[in-house]
Amino acid sequence: DGSRYNVIHHDDIVGQIPALLDAATVPASILNWGGDEVVSVEEWTRYLCELTGTPEPTFEVTDHTIPSAVIDTSVARPLLGPCEIGWRDGFRRLADHSISEPSGR
């Protein structure tokens, strides 16, 4: 179902920074930092359309489509803990904020 990503809410990013700093070592440890859930552009777009009452678009994969970037977060999870905000809740918050504070006002 299209290009997929480990989306992460900015509240989880901010909340995990202290644990990242605590885990910092020299030489540096390497980990992939992202959300716990994998979601496609099509999935989150359909969900945003549902939340906003916008008609669902038609999706077309082309040579210009950005490929998936699913990452392995298994090293990060024990250090940072799980994300507290799932992708659906994060996108709902985005839609609520965008509706309550439309751009240009």
C-alpha atoms as a PDB file:
ATOM      1  CA  ASP A   1       0.000   0.000   0.000  1.00  0.00           C
ATOM      2  CA  GLY A   2       2.560   2.588  -1.094  1.00  0.00           C
ATOM      3  CA  SER A   3       5.598   4.076   0.552  1.00  0.00           C
ATOM      4  CA  ARG A   4       5.827   3.286   4.265  1.00  0.00           C
ATOM      5  CA  TYR A   5       7.545   5.117   7.109  1.00  0.00           C
ATOM      6  CA  ASN A   6       8.090   4.976  10.890  1.00  0.00           C
ATOM      7  CA  VAL A   7       6.406   8.297  11.670  1.00  0.00           C
ATOM      8  CA  ILE A   8       7.077   9.813  15.092  1.00  0.00           C
ATOM      9  CA  HIS A   9       5.173  12.592  16.854  1.00  0.00           C
ATOM     10  CA  HIS A  10       7.130  15.654  17.978  1.00  0.00           C
ATOM     11  CA  ASP A  11       6.020  15.047  21.591  1.00  0.00           C
ATOM     12  CA  ASP A  12       7.729  11.634  21.471  1.00  0.00           C
ATOM     13  CA  ILE A  13      10.850  13.207  19.959  1.00  0.00           C
ATOM     14  CA  VAL A  14      11.023  15.779  22.756  1.00  0.00           C
ATOM     15  CA  GLY A  15      10.196  13.159  25.391  1.00  0.00           C
ATOM     16  CA  GLN A  16      12.938  10.790  24.224  1.00  0.00           C
ATOM     17  CA  ILE A  17      15.771  13.337  24.035  1.00  0.00           C
ATOM     18  CA  PRO A  18      16.779  12.926  27.725  1.00  0.00           C
ATOM     19  CA  ALA A  19      17.088   9.145  27.274  1.00  0.00           C
ATOM     20  CA  LEU A  20      19.122   9.688  24.103  1.00  0.00           C
ATOM     21  CA  LEU A  21      21.482  12.000  25.985  1.00  0.00           C
ATOM     22  CA  ASP A  22      21.763   9.485  28.844  1.00  0.00           C
ATOM     23  CA  ALA A  23      22.638   6.754  26.338  1.00  0.00           C
ATOM     24  CA  ALA A  24      25.279   8.862  24.562  1.00  0.00           C
ATOM     25  CA  THR A  25      28.745   7.302  24.481  1.00  0.00           C
ATOM     26  CA  VAL A  26      32.152   7.938  22.959  1.00  0.00           C
ATOM     27  CA  PRO A  27      32.559   6.513  20.450  1.00  0.00           C
ATOM     28  CA  ALA A  28      28.974   7.178  19.440  1.00  0.00           C
ATOM     29  CA  SER A  29      26.367   4.442  19.550  1.00  0.00           C
ATOM     30  CA  ILE A  30      24.307   4.107  16.396  1.00  0.00           C
ATOM     31  CA  LEU A  31      20.550   3.621  16.455  1.00  0.00           C
ATOM     32  CA  ASN A  32      17.580   4.270  14.214  1.00  0.00           C
ATOM     33  CA  TRP A  33      15.198   6.777  15.762  1.00  0.00           C
ATOM     34  CA  GLY A  34      11.601   6.671  14.621  1.00  0.00           C
ATOM     35  CA  GLY A  35       8.107   5.693  15.612  1.00  0.00           C
ATOM     36  CA  ASP A  36       7.035   2.222  16.688  1.00  0.00           C
ATOM     37  CA  GLU A  37       4.380   1.917  13.982  1.00  0.00           C
ATOM     38  CA  VAL A  38       4.890   1.739  10.234  1.00  0.00           C
ATOM     39  CA  VAL A  39       2.313   3.527   8.091  1.00  0.00           C
ATOM     40  CA  SER A  40       2.011   4.350   4.402  1.00  0.00           C
ATOM     41  CA  VAL A  41       1.450   7.747   2.843  1.00  0.00           C
ATOM     42  CA  GLU A  42      -1.821   6.393   1.472  1.00  0.00           C
ATOM     43  CA  GLU A  43      -2.969   5.181   4.911  1.00  0.00           C
ATOM     44  CA  TRP A  44      -2.283   8.481   6.651  1.00  0.00           C
ATOM     45  CA  THR A  45      -3.785  10.470   3.776  1.00  0.00           C
ATOM     46  CA  ARG A  46      -6.994   8.398   3.874  1.00  0.00           C
ATOM     47  CA  TYR A  47      -7.156   8.898   7.639  1.00  0.00           C
ATOM     48  CA  LEU A  48      -6.642  12.671   7.346  1.00  0.00           C
ATOM     49  CA  CYS A  49      -9.363  12.798   4.669  1.00  0.00           C
ATOM     50  CA  GLU A  50     -11.684  10.892   7.003  1.00  0.00           C
ATOM     51  CA  LEU A  51     -10.943  13.290   9.873  1.00  0.00           C
ATOM     52  CA  THR A  52     -11.384  16.429   7.795  1.00  0.00           C
ATOM     53  CA  GLY A  53     -14.245  15.330   5.567  1.00  0.00           C
ATOM     54  CA  THR A  54     -12.062  15.763   2.501  1.00  0.00           C
ATOM     55  CA  PRO A  55     -12.640  13.504  -0.512  1.00  0.00           C
ATOM     56  CA  GLU A  56     -10.056  10.736  -0.745  1.00  0.00           C
ATOM     57  CA  PRO A  57      -7.550  11.277  -3.551  1.00  0.00           C
ATOM     58  CA  THR A  58      -6.505   8.741  -6.159  1.00  0.00           C
ATOM     59  CA  PHE A  59      -2.952   7.501  -5.685  1.00  0.00           C
ATOM     60  CA  GLU A  60      -0.565   6.696  -8.503  1.00  0.00           C
ATOM     61  CA  VAL A  61       2.884   5.190  -8.098  1.00  0.00           C
ATOM     62  CA  THR A  62       5.338   6.781 -10.522  1.00  0.00           C
ATOM     63  CA  ASP A  63       9.086   6.899 -11.082  1.00  0.00           C
ATOM     64  CA  HIS A  64       9.047  10.014  -8.872  1.00  0.00           C
ATOM     65  CA  THR A  65       7.406   8.328  -5.879  1.00  0.00           C
ATOM     66  CA  ILE A  66       9.631   8.514  -2.808  1.00  0.00           C
ATOM     67  CA  PRO A  67      10.478   4.939  -1.754  1.00  0.00           C
ATOM     68  CA  SER A  68       9.667   3.502   1.653  1.00  0.00           C
ATOM     69  CA  ALA A  69      12.040   4.153   4.531  1.00  0.00           C
ATOM     70  CA  VAL A  70      11.067   1.579   7.159  1.00  0.00           C
ATOM     71  CA  ILE A  71      13.704   1.446   9.873  1.00  0.00           C
ATOM     72  CA  ASP A  72      14.617  -1.121  12.512  1.00  0.00           C
ATOM     73  CA  THR A  73      14.092   0.534  15.904  1.00  0.00           C
ATOM     74  CA  SER A  74      15.030  -2.545  17.962  1.00  0.00           C
ATOM     75  CA  VAL A  75      18.221  -0.912  19.316  1.00  0.00           C
ATOM     76  CA  ALA A  76      16.424   2.321  20.234  1.00  0.00           C
ATOM     77  CA  ARG A  77      13.404   0.822  22.014  1.00  0.00           C
ATOM     78  CA  PRO A  78      15.244  -0.593  25.083  1.00  0.00           C
ATOM     79  CA  LEU A  79      17.078   2.732  25.499  1.00  0.00           C
ATOM     80  CA  LEU A  80      14.201   5.120  24.800  1.00  0.00           C
ATOM     81  CA  GLY A  81      11.112   3.120  25.667  1.00  0.00           C
ATOM     82  CA  PRO A  82       8.042   2.940  23.468  1.00  0.00           C
ATOM     83  CA  CYS A  83       6.480   5.920  21.759  1.00  0.00           C
ATOM     84  CA  GLU A  84       3.498   7.266  23.659  1.00  0.00           C
ATOM     85  CA  ILE A  85       1.632   8.685  20.671  1.00  0.00           C
ATOM     86  CA  GLY A  86       0.556   6.326  17.902  1.00  0.00           C
ATOM     87  CA  TRP A  87       0.396   7.496  14.323  1.00  0.00           C
ATOM     88  CA  ARG A  88      -3.419   7.790  14.300  1.00  0.00           C
ATOM     89  CA  ASP A  89      -3.462   9.916  17.453  1.00  0.00           C
ATOM     90  CA  GLY A  90      -0.610  12.041  16.109  1.00  0.00           C
ATOM     91  CA  PHE A  91      -2.353  12.679  12.801  1.00  0.00           C
ATOM     92  CA  ARG A  92      -5.642  13.372  14.616  1.00  0.00           C
ATOM     93  CA  ARG A  93      -3.840  16.012  16.683  1.00  0.00           C
ATOM     94  CA  LEU A  94      -2.389  17.468  13.483  1.00  0.00           C
ATOM     95  CA  ALA A  95      -5.841  17.644  11.886  1.00  0.00           C
ATOM     96  CA  ASP A  96      -7.405  19.143  15.029  1.00  0.00           C
ATOM     97  CA  HIS A  97      -4.680  21.795  15.213  1.00  0.00           C
ATOM     98  CA  SER A  98      -4.893  22.594  11.497  1.00  0.00           C
ATOM     99  CA  ILE A  99      -8.668  22.977  11.672  1.00  0.00           C
ATOM    100  CA  SER A 100      -8.577  25.123  14.827  1.00  0.00           C
ATOM    101  CA  GLU A 101      -5.718  27.319  13.553  1.00  0.00           C
ATOM    102  CA  PRO A 102      -5.885  27.456   9.748  1.00  0.00           C
ATOM    103  CA  SER A 103      -2.864  28.956   8.027  1.00  0.00           C
ATOM    104  CA  GLY A 104      -3.075  32.561   6.964  1.00  0.00           C
ATOM    105  CA  ARG A 105      -4.976  33.734  10.031  1.00  0.00           C
END
